[in-house]
Amino acid sequence: MPEIAARPYAYSFEPATTALVVIDMQRDFIERGGFGEALGNDVSRLAAIVPTVRELLAWARAHGIRVVHTREGHRPDLADCPPAKRQRGRPSLRIGDAGPMGRILVDGQPGNDIVPVLAPRPGETVIVKPGKGAFFATKLDVLLRSQRITHLILGGVTTEVCVQTTMREANDRGYDCLLVEDATESYFPEFKQATLAMVHAQGGIVGWTAAFAAVRASLP
């Protein structure tokens, strides 16, 4: 069984029962003019991981590992967006408002698309999620179990919000999860480092973390 040199100890997996989950690599979060920037964030931090995520996708595809992409998005009528979520904070643009790339975080709008260089390929699963975690109000768990997936390798943004929420949801459902350290990022570097520490603390209470180089080295 292949092993990844991970923290807190080696992560063993079988490609046939493993899926790569790439979380929310969307234009609204990564490109200038999107929702991330409207919240006052430096989106260049997130854009910097795009090349590594692209390599991670290529690695998974080359080894027959299933690929799942997620997008945080809402129906045009915002019926799946709780008012508290839309109203929280004081951004210049709110969910559903018209922005430079269409309505913010509305499914089907240009800004809600995954950045083109990471676009899903035919046959790859795309989960549109109304919450932070990829399991809430989606069919992800049913899909993974139908394909006998037991292990998840994760990347995407942001580390402490949608990525960590998804990883904790998966851990509670019995999946063995590994977060690729340089294929995830936060607008706040200290939040990313804290999340990585939380994940592999206490013998891997939520899962494992590893650099992409270690992931790539695990399979010839």
N, C-alpha and C. Protein backbone atom coordinates (compact mmCIF):
# COMPACT_ATOMS: atom_id res chain seq x y z
N MET A 1 0.84 -1.19 0.00
CA MET A 1 0.00 0.00 0.00
C MET A 1 0.88 1.25 0.00
N PRO A 2 0.63 2.18 -0.91
CA PRO A 2 1.45 3.41 -0.94
C PRO A 2 1.34 4.18 0.37
N GLU A 3 2.41 4.89 0.69
CA GLU A 3 2.43 5.72 1.88
C GLU A 3 2.95 7.11 1.52
N ILE A 4 2.38 8.11 2.17
CA ILE A 4 2.83 9.49 2.04
C ILE A 4 3.52 9.89 3.32
N ALA A 5 4.70 10.46 3.21
CA ALA A 5 5.42 10.95 4.38
C ALA A 5 4.69 12.18 4.90
N ALA A 6 3.87 11.97 5.90
CA ALA A 6 2.95 13.00 6.38
C ALA A 6 3.15 13.27 7.86
N ARG A 7 2.44 14.27 8.34
CA ARG A 7 2.37 14.52 9.78
C ARG A 7 0.98 14.14 10.27
N PRO A 8 0.84 13.50 11.43
CA PRO A 8 1.87 13.17 12.42
C PRO A 8 2.62 11.88 12.14
N TYR A 9 2.15 11.09 11.16
CA TYR A 9 2.87 9.88 10.77
C TYR A 9 2.41 9.52 9.36
N ALA A 10 2.99 8.46 8.79
CA ALA A 10 2.74 8.12 7.39
C ALA A 10 1.25 7.88 7.13
N TYR A 11 0.81 8.35 5.98
CA TYR A 11 -0.58 8.20 5.53
C TYR A 11 -0.62 7.12 4.46
N SER A 12 -1.29 6.02 4.73
CA SER A 12 -1.41 4.91 3.79
C SER A 12 -2.73 5.01 3.04
N PHE A 13 -2.70 4.70 1.76
CA PHE A 13 -3.91 4.80 0.94
C PHE A 13 -3.82 3.89 -0.27
N GLU A 14 -4.98 3.54 -0.81
CA GLU A 14 -5.05 2.83 -2.07
C GLU A 14 -5.69 3.76 -3.10
N PRO A 15 -5.06 3.97 -4.25
CA PRO A 15 -5.64 4.88 -5.24
C PRO A 15 -7.09 4.55 -5.61
N ALA A 16 -7.42 3.26 -5.65
CA ALA A 16 -8.76 2.86 -6.08
C ALA A 16 -9.84 3.28 -5.10
N THR A 17 -9.48 3.50 -3.85
CA THR A 17 -10.48 3.89 -2.84
C THR A 17 -10.20 5.30 -2.29
N THR A 18 -9.50 6.08 -3.09
CA THR A 18 -9.14 7.44 -2.69
C THR A 18 -9.71 8.45 -3.67
N ALA A 19 -10.14 9.58 -3.16
CA ALA A 19 -10.60 10.68 -4.02
C ALA A 19 -9.84 11.95 -3.64
N LEU A 20 -9.54 12.74 -4.64
CA LEU A 20 -8.99 14.08 -4.43
C LEU A 20 -10.16 15.06 -4.43
N VAL A 21 -10.28 15.85 -3.39
CA VAL A 21 -11.33 16.86 -3.29
C VAL A 21 -10.68 18.24 -3.33
N VAL A 22 -10.97 18.99 -4.39
CA VAL A 22 -10.41 20.34 -4.56
C VAL A 22 -11.53 21.33 -4.26
N ILE A 23 -11.32 22.12 -3.24
CA ILE A 23 -12.39 22.91 -2.66
C ILE A 23 -12.34 24.38 -3.09
N ASP A 24 -13.39 24.80 -3.77
CA ASP A 24 -13.73 26.22 -3.98
C ASP A 24 -12.64 27.06 -4.63
N MET A 25 -11.95 26.49 -5.62
CA MET A 25 -10.96 27.28 -6.36
C MET A 25 -11.68 28.13 -7.40
N GLN A 26 -12.48 29.07 -6.90
CA GLN A 26 -13.39 29.85 -7.71
C GLN A 26 -12.85 31.25 -8.00
N ARG A 27 -13.29 31.79 -9.11
CA ARG A 27 -12.87 33.13 -9.49
C ARG A 27 -13.25 34.16 -8.43
N ASP A 28 -14.42 33.99 -7.80
CA ASP A 28 -14.87 34.95 -6.79
C ASP A 28 -13.92 35.04 -5.60
N PHE A 29 -13.19 33.98 -5.33
CA PHE A 29 -12.29 33.97 -4.19
C PHE A 29 -10.84 34.29 -4.58
N ILE A 30 -10.48 34.01 -5.82
CA ILE A 30 -9.07 34.01 -6.22
C ILE A 30 -8.70 35.19 -7.12
N GLU A 31 -9.64 35.69 -7.90
CA GLU A 31 -9.34 36.75 -8.85
C GLU A 31 -9.70 38.13 -8.31
N ARG A 32 -9.05 39.13 -8.84
CA ARG A 32 -9.36 40.52 -8.49
C ARG A 32 -10.80 40.84 -8.88
N GLY A 33 -11.49 41.59 -8.03
CA GLY A 33 -12.85 42.01 -8.32
C GLY A 33 -13.92 41.08 -7.80
N GLY A 34 -13.52 39.96 -7.21
CA GLY A 34 -14.50 39.00 -6.72
C GLY A 34 -14.88 39.24 -5.27
N PHE A 35 -15.60 38.27 -4.72
CA PHE A 35 -16.12 38.39 -3.37
C PHE A 35 -15.00 38.47 -2.33
N GLY A 36 -13.93 37.69 -2.55
CA GLY A 36 -12.82 37.72 -1.61
C GLY A 36 -12.23 39.10 -1.47
N GLU A 37 -12.04 39.77 -2.58
CA GLU A 37 -11.50 41.13 -2.53
C GLU A 37 -12.51 42.11 -1.95
N ALA A 38 -13.81 41.88 -2.22
CA ALA A 38 -14.84 42.74 -1.66
C ALA A 38 -14.86 42.71 -0.15
N LEU A 39 -14.41 41.59 0.42
CA LEU A 39 -14.32 41.47 1.87
C LEU A 39 -13.05 42.12 2.42
N GLY A 40 -12.22 42.67 1.53
CA GLY A 40 -11.02 43.37 1.95
C GLY A 40 -9.77 42.51 1.99
N ASN A 41 -9.80 41.36 1.32
CA ASN A 41 -8.68 40.42 1.38
C ASN A 41 -7.70 40.60 0.23
N ASP A 42 -6.47 40.17 0.46
CA ASP A 42 -5.44 40.12 -0.57
C ASP A 42 -5.56 38.79 -1.29
N VAL A 43 -6.20 38.80 -2.45
CA VAL A 43 -6.47 37.55 -3.16
C VAL A 43 -5.22 36.94 -3.79
N SER A 44 -4.13 37.69 -3.86
CA SER A 44 -2.91 37.14 -4.45
C SER A 44 -2.38 35.96 -3.64
N ARG A 45 -2.67 35.92 -2.37
CA ARG A 45 -2.24 34.79 -1.54
C ARG A 45 -2.86 33.50 -2.04
N LEU A 46 -4.15 33.55 -2.38
CA LEU A 46 -4.84 32.35 -2.86
C LEU A 46 -4.41 32.01 -4.29
N ALA A 47 -4.23 33.03 -5.10
CA ALA A 47 -3.82 32.80 -6.48
C ALA A 47 -2.47 32.09 -6.55
N ALA A 48 -1.63 32.29 -5.54
CA ALA A 48 -0.28 31.71 -5.56
C ALA A 48 -0.27 30.19 -5.51
N ILE A 49 -1.34 29.56 -5.02
CA ILE A 49 -1.33 28.09 -4.94
C ILE A 49 -1.88 27.43 -6.19
N VAL A 50 -2.39 28.21 -7.13
CA VAL A 50 -2.99 27.62 -8.33
C VAL A 50 -2.03 26.66 -9.05
N PRO A 51 -0.76 27.01 -9.27
CA PRO A 51 0.14 26.04 -9.94
C PRO A 51 0.28 24.71 -9.18
N THR A 52 0.34 24.75 -7.86
CA THR A 52 0.46 23.52 -7.09
C THR A 52 -0.82 22.70 -7.18
N VAL A 53 -1.96 23.35 -7.11
CA VAL A 53 -3.23 22.62 -7.24
C VAL A 53 -3.33 21.99 -8.62
N ARG A 54 -2.84 22.69 -9.62
CA ARG A 54 -2.85 22.13 -10.98
C ARG A 54 -1.99 20.87 -11.05
N GLU A 55 -0.82 20.89 -10.40
CA GLU A 55 0.03 19.70 -10.38
C GLU A 55 -0.62 18.57 -9.58
N LEU A 56 -1.29 18.91 -8.51
CA LEU A 56 -1.98 17.91 -7.71
C LEU A 56 -3.07 17.23 -8.52
N LEU A 57 -3.82 18.01 -9.28
CA LEU A 57 -4.84 17.44 -10.16
C LEU A 57 -4.22 16.53 -11.20
N ALA A 58 -3.12 16.96 -11.80
CA ALA A 58 -2.46 16.13 -12.81
C ALA A 58 -1.98 14.81 -12.20
N TRP A 59 -1.44 14.87 -10.99
CA TRP A 59 -0.98 13.66 -10.30
C TRP A 59 -2.14 12.70 -10.06
N ALA A 60 -3.25 13.21 -9.56
CA ALA A 60 -4.41 12.35 -9.29
C ALA A 60 -4.94 11.73 -10.57
N ARG A 61 -5.07 12.53 -11.61
CA ARG A 61 -5.58 12.01 -12.88
C ARG A 61 -4.67 10.95 -13.46
N ALA A 62 -3.37 11.15 -13.34
CA ALA A 62 -2.40 10.20 -13.90
C ALA A 62 -2.46 8.85 -13.20
N HIS A 63 -2.89 8.84 -11.94
CA HIS A 63 -2.91 7.60 -11.17
C HIS A 63 -4.31 7.06 -10.94
N GLY A 64 -5.26 7.55 -11.69
CA GLY A 64 -6.61 6.99 -11.63
C GLY A 64 -7.35 7.30 -10.34
N ILE A 65 -6.96 8.34 -9.65
CA ILE A 65 -7.64 8.75 -8.43
C ILE A 65 -8.83 9.63 -8.81
N ARG A 66 -9.98 9.33 -8.26
CA ARG A 66 -11.17 10.11 -8.58
C ARG A 66 -10.99 11.55 -8.15
N VAL A 67 -11.55 12.47 -8.93
CA VAL A 67 -11.43 13.89 -8.64
C VAL A 67 -12.81 14.49 -8.41
N VAL A 68 -12.92 15.22 -7.31
CA VAL A 68 -14.14 15.95 -6.98
C VAL A 68 -13.79 17.43 -6.82
N HIS A 69 -14.55 18.29 -7.47
CA HIS A 69 -14.39 19.73 -7.31
C HIS A 69 -15.61 20.27 -6.55
N THR A 70 -15.41 21.27 -5.71
CA THR A 70 -16.56 21.92 -5.08
C THR A 70 -16.57 23.40 -5.42
N ARG A 71 -17.77 23.95 -5.40
CA ARG A 71 -17.97 25.39 -5.55
C ARG A 71 -18.99 25.82 -4.50
N GLU A 72 -18.70 26.89 -3.79
CA GLU A 72 -19.71 27.47 -2.91
C GLU A 72 -20.59 28.37 -3.76
N GLY A 73 -21.87 28.05 -3.81
CA GLY A 73 -22.77 28.82 -4.65
C GLY A 73 -24.22 28.65 -4.23
N HIS A 74 -25.02 29.61 -4.62
CA HIS A 74 -26.43 29.62 -4.21
C HIS A 74 -27.35 29.74 -5.42
N ARG A 75 -28.59 29.34 -5.22
CA ARG A 75 -29.61 29.49 -6.25
C ARG A 75 -29.83 30.97 -6.54
N PRO A 76 -30.27 31.31 -7.75
CA PRO A 76 -30.50 32.72 -8.07
C PRO A 76 -31.47 33.43 -7.14
N ASP A 77 -32.45 32.68 -6.60
CA ASP A 77 -33.40 33.31 -5.68
C ASP A 77 -32.90 33.35 -4.24
N LEU A 78 -31.68 32.80 -4.01
CA LEU A 78 -31.04 32.79 -2.69
C LEU A 78 -31.85 32.04 -1.64
N ALA A 79 -32.74 31.15 -2.08
CA ALA A 79 -33.55 30.40 -1.13
C ALA A 79 -32.70 29.47 -0.26
N ASP A 80 -31.52 29.11 -0.74
CA ASP A 80 -30.63 28.23 0.04
C ASP A 80 -29.55 29.02 0.77
N CYS A 81 -29.70 30.32 0.85
CA CYS A 81 -28.73 31.17 1.55
C CYS A 81 -29.41 31.78 2.78
N PRO A 82 -29.07 31.32 3.97
CA PRO A 82 -29.69 31.89 5.16
C PRO A 82 -29.46 33.39 5.24
N PRO A 83 -30.46 34.17 5.65
CA PRO A 83 -30.28 35.62 5.75
C PRO A 83 -29.07 36.01 6.59
N ALA A 84 -28.80 35.26 7.65
CA ALA A 84 -27.65 35.60 8.50
C ALA A 84 -26.34 35.50 7.74
N LYS A 85 -26.26 34.57 6.81
CA LYS A 85 -25.03 34.43 6.02
C LYS A 85 -24.87 35.62 5.08
N ARG A 86 -25.94 36.03 4.47
CA ARG A 86 -25.87 37.15 3.52
C ARG A 86 -25.60 38.47 4.23
N GLN A 87 -26.13 38.63 5.42
CA GLN A 87 -26.05 39.91 6.10
C GLN A 87 -24.80 40.09 6.96
N ARG A 88 -24.09 38.99 7.23
CA ARG A 88 -22.97 39.08 8.17
C ARG A 88 -21.85 39.98 7.64
N GLY A 89 -21.26 40.74 8.53
CA GLY A 89 -20.15 41.61 8.16
C GLY A 89 -20.62 42.87 7.47
N ARG A 90 -19.61 43.63 6.98
CA ARG A 90 -19.92 44.87 6.27
C ARG A 90 -19.13 44.96 4.97
N PRO A 91 -19.29 43.96 4.09
CA PRO A 91 -18.55 44.01 2.82
C PRO A 91 -19.18 45.01 1.86
N SER A 92 -18.40 45.43 0.89
CA SER A 92 -18.94 46.34 -0.13
C SER A 92 -19.90 45.61 -1.06
N LEU A 93 -19.75 44.30 -1.18
CA LEU A 93 -20.66 43.47 -1.96
C LEU A 93 -21.10 42.29 -1.12
N ARG A 94 -22.38 41.95 -1.19
CA ARG A 94 -22.91 40.81 -0.46
C ARG A 94 -23.31 39.70 -1.43
N ILE A 95 -23.51 38.50 -0.88
CA ILE A 95 -23.96 37.38 -1.69
C ILE A 95 -25.23 37.78 -2.44
N GLY A 96 -25.23 37.54 -3.75
CA GLY A 96 -26.37 37.88 -4.58
C GLY A 96 -26.28 39.23 -5.24
N ASP A 97 -25.40 40.12 -4.73
CA ASP A 97 -25.25 41.43 -5.35
C ASP A 97 -24.51 41.31 -6.68
N ALA A 98 -24.73 42.30 -7.54
CA ALA A 98 -24.03 42.33 -8.82
C ALA A 98 -22.60 42.82 -8.61
N GLY A 99 -21.65 42.02 -9.06
CA GLY A 99 -20.24 42.38 -8.98
C GLY A 99 -19.60 42.40 -10.34
N PRO A 100 -18.29 42.61 -10.42
CA PRO A 100 -17.60 42.67 -11.71
C PRO A 100 -17.70 41.39 -12.52
N MET A 101 -17.93 40.24 -11.83
CA MET A 101 -18.02 38.96 -12.53
C MET A 101 -19.40 38.34 -12.37
N GLY A 102 -20.42 39.19 -12.31
CA GLY A 102 -21.78 38.70 -12.15
C GLY A 102 -22.20 38.72 -10.69
N ARG A 103 -23.33 38.14 -10.41
CA ARG A 103 -23.85 38.14 -9.04
C ARG A 103 -22.94 37.29 -8.15
N ILE A 104 -22.63 37.82 -6.98
CA ILE A 104 -21.67 37.20 -6.07
C ILE A 104 -22.20 35.88 -5.53
N LEU A 105 -21.40 34.82 -5.71
CA LEU A 105 -21.67 33.48 -5.19
C LEU A 105 -23.03 32.94 -5.61
N VAL A 106 -23.44 33.27 -6.83
CA VAL A 106 -24.66 32.70 -7.39
C VAL A 106 -24.28 31.70 -8.46
N ASP A 107 -24.82 30.49 -8.33
CA ASP A 107 -24.49 29.43 -9.26
C ASP A 107 -24.83 29.84 -10.69
N GLY A 108 -23.89 29.58 -11.59
CA GLY A 108 -24.09 29.93 -12.99
C GLY A 108 -23.50 31.26 -13.40
N GLN A 109 -23.10 32.07 -12.44
CA GLN A 109 -22.48 33.37 -12.74
C GLN A 109 -20.97 33.18 -13.02
N PRO A 110 -20.39 34.04 -13.84
CA PRO A 110 -18.96 33.87 -14.19
C PRO A 110 -18.04 33.80 -12.99
N GLY A 111 -18.27 34.63 -11.98
CA GLY A 111 -17.40 34.62 -10.82
C GLY A 111 -17.48 33.37 -10.00
N ASN A 112 -18.57 32.62 -10.16
CA ASN A 112 -18.74 31.38 -9.40
C ASN A 112 -18.01 30.21 -10.05
N ASP A 113 -17.52 30.42 -11.27
CA ASP A 113 -16.78 29.36 -11.97
C ASP A 113 -15.45 29.08 -11.29
N ILE A 114 -14.98 27.86 -11.45
CA ILE A 114 -13.62 27.50 -11.06
C ILE A 114 -12.65 28.19 -12.01
N VAL A 115 -11.51 28.64 -11.49
CA VAL A 115 -10.55 29.33 -12.36
C VAL A 115 -10.21 28.42 -13.55
N PRO A 116 -10.11 28.98 -14.76
CA PRO A 116 -10.01 28.15 -15.97
C PRO A 116 -8.89 27.12 -15.96
N VAL A 117 -7.73 27.45 -15.42
CA VAL A 117 -6.61 26.52 -15.46
C VAL A 117 -6.87 25.27 -14.62
N LEU A 118 -7.83 25.33 -13.71
CA LEU A 118 -8.17 24.19 -12.86
C LEU A 118 -9.53 23.60 -13.22
N ALA A 119 -10.03 23.92 -14.38
CA ALA A 119 -11.37 23.51 -14.77
C ALA A 119 -11.56 21.99 -14.70
N PRO A 120 -12.71 21.55 -14.21
CA PRO A 120 -12.99 20.11 -14.19
C PRO A 120 -12.97 19.51 -15.59
N ARG A 121 -12.55 18.28 -15.66
CA ARG A 121 -12.57 17.54 -16.92
C ARG A 121 -13.87 16.75 -17.02
N PRO A 122 -14.26 16.37 -18.24
CA PRO A 122 -15.47 15.56 -18.39
C PRO A 122 -15.39 14.31 -17.51
N GLY A 123 -16.48 14.03 -16.82
CA GLY A 123 -16.54 12.87 -15.95
C GLY A 123 -16.16 13.14 -14.51
N GLU A 124 -15.55 14.29 -14.23
CA GLU A 124 -15.21 14.63 -12.85
C GLU A 124 -16.41 15.27 -12.16
N THR A 125 -16.57 14.94 -10.91
CA THR A 125 -17.72 15.41 -10.14
C THR A 125 -17.53 16.86 -9.70
N VAL A 126 -18.59 17.64 -9.81
CA VAL A 126 -18.61 19.01 -9.30
C VAL A 126 -19.77 19.11 -8.30
N ILE A 127 -19.45 19.46 -7.08
CA ILE A 127 -20.44 19.62 -6.02
C ILE A 127 -20.65 21.11 -5.78
N VAL A 128 -21.88 21.58 -5.94
CA VAL A 128 -22.21 22.96 -5.60
C VAL A 128 -22.80 22.94 -4.19
N LYS A 129 -22.15 23.65 -3.30
CA LYS A 129 -22.53 23.57 -1.88
C LYS A 129 -23.01 24.94 -1.38
N PRO A 130 -24.09 24.97 -0.63
CA PRO A 130 -24.59 26.24 -0.11
C PRO A 130 -23.92 26.66 1.20
N GLY A 131 -23.18 25.74 1.82
CA GLY A 131 -22.52 26.03 3.08
C GLY A 131 -21.02 26.01 2.95
N LYS A 132 -20.35 26.05 4.08
CA LYS A 132 -18.89 26.00 4.09
C LYS A 132 -18.39 24.58 3.83
N GLY A 133 -19.00 23.60 4.48
CA GLY A 133 -18.59 22.21 4.29
C GLY A 133 -19.20 21.60 3.04
N ALA A 134 -18.46 20.68 2.42
CA ALA A 134 -18.92 20.07 1.18
C ALA A 134 -19.95 18.97 1.40
N PHE A 135 -20.18 18.56 2.64
CA PHE A 135 -21.14 17.50 2.93
C PHE A 135 -22.52 18.05 3.27
N PHE A 136 -22.59 19.29 3.76
CA PHE A 136 -23.86 19.86 4.17
C PHE A 136 -24.76 20.14 2.96
N ALA A 137 -25.98 19.56 2.98
CA ALA A 137 -26.99 19.80 1.94
C ALA A 137 -26.51 19.44 0.54
N THR A 138 -25.62 18.43 0.44
CA THR A 138 -25.17 17.93 -0.86
C THR A 138 -25.24 16.41 -0.86
N LYS A 139 -24.95 15.82 -2.01
CA LYS A 139 -24.96 14.37 -2.16
C LYS A 139 -23.55 13.79 -2.12
N LEU A 140 -22.59 14.55 -1.59
CA LEU A 140 -21.20 14.10 -1.64
C LEU A 140 -21.00 12.78 -0.91
N ASP A 141 -21.53 12.64 0.29
CA ASP A 141 -21.31 11.41 1.05
C ASP A 141 -21.89 10.20 0.32
N VAL A 142 -23.09 10.34 -0.21
CA VAL A 142 -23.72 9.25 -0.96
C VAL A 142 -22.87 8.88 -2.17
N LEU A 143 -22.37 9.88 -2.86
CA LEU A 143 -21.55 9.64 -4.05
C LEU A 143 -20.27 8.90 -3.69
N LEU A 144 -19.57 9.35 -2.65
CA LEU A 144 -18.31 8.72 -2.26
C LEU A 144 -18.53 7.28 -1.82
N ARG A 145 -19.56 7.06 -1.03
CA ARG A 145 -19.82 5.70 -0.56
C ARG A 145 -20.22 4.77 -1.70
N SER A 146 -20.95 5.30 -2.68
CA SER A 146 -21.33 4.47 -3.83
C SER A 146 -20.11 4.05 -4.64
N GLN A 147 -19.04 4.83 -4.55
CA GLN A 147 -17.79 4.51 -5.27
C GLN A 147 -16.77 3.84 -4.35
N ARG A 148 -17.19 3.50 -3.13
CA ARG A 148 -16.37 2.81 -2.14
C ARG A 148 -15.10 3.59 -1.78
N ILE A 149 -15.25 4.90 -1.72
CA ILE A 149 -14.14 5.76 -1.32
C ILE A 149 -14.02 5.76 0.20
N THR A 150 -12.81 5.56 0.69
CA THR A 150 -12.54 5.57 2.12
C THR A 150 -11.53 6.64 2.53
N HIS A 151 -10.76 7.14 1.57
CA HIS A 151 -9.68 8.09 1.85
C HIS A 151 -9.87 9.34 0.97
N LEU A 152 -9.63 10.50 1.58
CA LEU A 152 -9.74 11.76 0.86
C LEU A 152 -8.44 12.54 0.98
N ILE A 153 -7.97 13.03 -0.15
CA ILE A 153 -6.85 13.97 -0.20
C ILE A 153 -7.46 15.32 -0.57
N LEU A 154 -7.15 16.35 0.22
CA LEU A 154 -7.83 17.63 0.06
C LEU A 154 -6.88 18.77 -0.22
N GLY A 155 -7.37 19.72 -1.03
CA GLY A 155 -6.70 20.99 -1.26
C GLY A 155 -7.76 22.03 -1.53
N GLY A 156 -7.34 23.29 -1.64
CA GLY A 156 -8.29 24.34 -1.97
C GLY A 156 -8.29 25.47 -0.96
N VAL A 157 -9.37 26.25 -0.99
CA VAL A 157 -9.44 27.46 -0.16
C VAL A 157 -10.82 27.57 0.50
N THR A 158 -10.86 28.39 1.58
CA THR A 158 -9.71 28.77 2.36
C THR A 158 -9.47 27.73 3.43
N THR A 159 -8.21 27.65 3.88
CA THR A 159 -7.80 26.55 4.75
C THR A 159 -8.66 26.43 5.99
N GLU A 160 -8.89 27.57 6.66
CA GLU A 160 -9.55 27.52 7.97
C GLU A 160 -11.06 27.53 7.89
N VAL A 161 -11.61 27.79 6.70
CA VAL A 161 -13.07 27.87 6.58
C VAL A 161 -13.59 26.65 5.83
N CYS A 162 -13.71 26.73 4.50
CA CYS A 162 -14.34 25.65 3.76
C CYS A 162 -13.53 24.35 3.76
N VAL A 163 -12.21 24.47 3.73
CA VAL A 163 -11.38 23.27 3.71
C VAL A 163 -11.45 22.56 5.06
N GLN A 164 -11.22 23.30 6.13
CA GLN A 164 -11.26 22.66 7.44
C GLN A 164 -12.66 22.13 7.77
N THR A 165 -13.70 22.87 7.42
CA THR A 165 -15.05 22.40 7.69
C THR A 165 -15.32 21.08 6.96
N THR A 166 -14.94 21.02 5.69
CA THR A 166 -15.13 19.79 4.93
C THR A 166 -14.34 18.64 5.53
N MET A 167 -13.12 18.91 5.94
CA MET A 167 -12.27 17.86 6.51
C MET A 167 -12.86 17.33 7.81
N ARG A 168 -13.38 18.20 8.64
CA ARG A 168 -13.98 17.77 9.89
C ARG A 168 -15.27 16.98 9.64
N GLU A 169 -16.07 17.44 8.67
CA GLU A 169 -17.27 16.69 8.30
C GLU A 169 -16.90 15.29 7.82
N ALA A 170 -15.86 15.20 7.00
CA ALA A 170 -15.43 13.91 6.47
C ALA A 170 -14.90 13.01 7.58
N ASN A 171 -14.12 13.59 8.49
CA ASN A 171 -13.57 12.82 9.60
C ASN A 171 -14.70 12.22 10.45
N ASP A 172 -15.73 12.99 10.70
CA ASP A 172 -16.86 12.49 11.48
C ASP A 172 -17.62 11.39 10.76
N ARG A 173 -17.49 11.33 9.45
CA ARG A 173 -18.16 10.29 8.66
C ARG A 173 -17.27 9.08 8.41
N GLY A 174 -16.05 9.10 8.97
CA GLY A 174 -15.20 7.93 8.90
C GLY A 174 -14.18 7.90 7.79
N TYR A 175 -14.03 8.99 7.06
CA TYR A 175 -13.02 9.04 6.00
C TYR A 175 -11.65 9.38 6.60
N ASP A 176 -10.60 8.76 6.05
CA ASP A 176 -9.23 9.12 6.41
C ASP A 176 -8.78 10.25 5.49
N CYS A 177 -8.46 11.40 6.06
CA CYS A 177 -8.24 12.61 5.27
C CYS A 177 -6.81 13.12 5.40
N LEU A 178 -6.27 13.55 4.27
CA LEU A 178 -4.97 14.20 4.24
C LEU A 178 -5.11 15.53 3.54
N LEU A 179 -4.62 16.59 4.18
CA LEU A 179 -4.64 17.93 3.61
C LEU A 179 -3.26 18.26 3.04
N VAL A 180 -3.22 18.64 1.78
CA VAL A 180 -1.96 18.96 1.11
C VAL A 180 -1.59 20.40 1.46
N GLU A 181 -0.50 20.54 2.20
CA GLU A 181 -0.16 21.80 2.86
C GLU A 181 0.05 22.97 1.90
N ASP A 182 0.70 22.72 0.77
CA ASP A 182 0.99 23.81 -0.17
C ASP A 182 -0.03 23.87 -1.31
N ALA A 183 -1.12 23.10 -1.18
CA ALA A 183 -2.23 23.18 -2.13
C ALA A 183 -3.46 23.77 -1.44
N THR A 184 -3.24 24.42 -0.31
CA THR A 184 -4.31 25.13 0.38
C THR A 184 -3.77 26.46 0.87
N GLU A 185 -4.66 27.42 1.05
CA GLU A 185 -4.20 28.74 1.49
C GLU A 185 -5.34 29.51 2.13
N SER A 186 -4.93 30.51 2.91
CA SER A 186 -5.85 31.40 3.60
C SER A 186 -5.47 32.84 3.28
N TYR A 187 -6.43 33.75 3.43
CA TYR A 187 -6.10 35.16 3.34
C TYR A 187 -5.24 35.59 4.53
N PHE A 188 -5.23 34.76 5.58
CA PHE A 188 -4.50 35.06 6.80
C PHE A 188 -3.50 33.95 7.08
N PRO A 189 -2.20 34.17 6.87
CA PRO A 189 -1.22 33.08 7.00
C PRO A 189 -1.25 32.41 8.36
N GLU A 190 -1.51 33.17 9.42
CA GLU A 190 -1.53 32.56 10.75
C GLU A 190 -2.71 31.60 10.91
N PHE A 191 -3.80 31.86 10.20
CA PHE A 191 -4.95 30.96 10.26
C PHE A 191 -4.62 29.63 9.59
N LYS A 192 -3.91 29.69 8.48
CA LYS A 192 -3.52 28.45 7.80
C LYS A 192 -2.63 27.60 8.70
N GLN A 193 -1.63 28.21 9.28
CA GLN A 193 -0.71 27.44 10.12
C GLN A 193 -1.42 26.85 11.33
N ALA A 194 -2.33 27.61 11.91
CA ALA A 194 -3.08 27.09 13.05
C ALA A 194 -3.95 25.91 12.64
N THR A 195 -4.55 25.99 11.47
CA THR A 195 -5.39 24.89 11.00
C THR A 195 -4.58 23.63 10.77
N LEU A 196 -3.42 23.75 10.13
CA LEU A 196 -2.57 22.58 9.91
C LEU A 196 -2.21 21.93 11.24
N ALA A 197 -1.88 22.75 12.22
CA ALA A 197 -1.54 22.22 13.54
C ALA A 197 -2.73 21.51 14.19
N MET A 198 -3.92 22.08 14.04
CA MET A 198 -5.12 21.47 14.60
C MET A 198 -5.39 20.10 13.98
N VAL A 199 -5.20 20.01 12.67
CA VAL A 199 -5.53 18.78 11.95
C VAL A 199 -4.71 17.60 12.45
N HIS A 200 -3.39 17.78 12.53
CA HIS A 200 -2.56 16.61 12.86
C HIS A 200 -2.18 16.54 14.33
N ALA A 201 -2.76 17.41 15.16
CA ALA A 201 -2.51 17.34 16.60
C ALA A 201 -3.06 16.06 17.20
N GLN A 202 -2.51 15.69 18.36
CA GLN A 202 -3.01 14.56 19.14
C GLN A 202 -3.10 13.27 18.32
N GLY A 203 -2.05 13.03 17.53
CA GLY A 203 -2.02 11.80 16.75
C GLY A 203 -2.90 11.80 15.53
N GLY A 204 -3.22 13.00 15.04
CA GLY A 204 -4.06 13.08 13.84
C GLY A 204 -5.54 13.10 14.20
N ILE A 205 -5.93 13.99 15.09
CA ILE A 205 -7.30 14.01 15.58
C ILE A 205 -8.32 14.28 14.46
N VAL A 206 -7.92 15.04 13.46
CA VAL A 206 -8.77 15.26 12.30
C VAL A 206 -8.22 14.57 11.06
N GLY A 207 -6.91 14.38 11.00
CA GLY A 207 -6.31 13.72 9.85
C GLY A 207 -4.82 13.97 9.75
N TRP A 208 -4.34 14.01 8.54
CA TRP A 208 -2.92 14.14 8.25
C TRP A 208 -2.69 15.39 7.39
N THR A 209 -1.46 15.87 7.39
CA THR A 209 -1.05 16.91 6.44
C THR A 209 0.29 16.52 5.84
N ALA A 210 0.53 16.95 4.61
CA ALA A 210 1.79 16.67 3.93
C ALA A 210 1.99 17.66 2.81
N ALA A 211 3.24 17.91 2.46
CA ALA A 211 3.56 18.74 1.30
C ALA A 211 3.27 17.97 0.02
N PHE A 212 3.01 18.70 -1.05
CA PHE A 212 2.72 18.03 -2.32
C PHE A 212 3.89 17.17 -2.78
N ALA A 213 5.11 17.58 -2.52
CA ALA A 213 6.26 16.77 -2.92
C ALA A 213 6.19 15.37 -2.32
N ALA A 214 5.73 15.27 -1.08
CA ALA A 214 5.60 13.96 -0.45
C ALA A 214 4.46 13.17 -1.07
N VAL A 215 3.37 13.86 -1.42
CA VAL A 215 2.26 13.18 -2.09
C VAL A 215 2.72 12.62 -3.43
N ARG A 216 3.40 13.44 -4.20
CA ARG A 216 3.86 13.02 -5.53
C ARG A 216 4.85 11.86 -5.43
N ALA A 217 5.67 11.84 -4.40
CA ALA A 217 6.68 10.78 -4.25
C ALA A 217 6.07 9.44 -3.83
N SER A 218 4.82 9.43 -3.43
CA SER A 218 4.23 8.20 -2.91
C SER A 218 3.87 7.21 -3.99
N LEU A 219 3.73 7.68 -5.22
CA LEU A 219 3.41 6.80 -6.36
C LEU A 219 4.44 7.01 -7.45
N PRO A 220 4.91 5.94 -8.07
CA PRO A 220 5.95 6.09 -9.11
C PRO A 220 5.40 6.78 -10.36
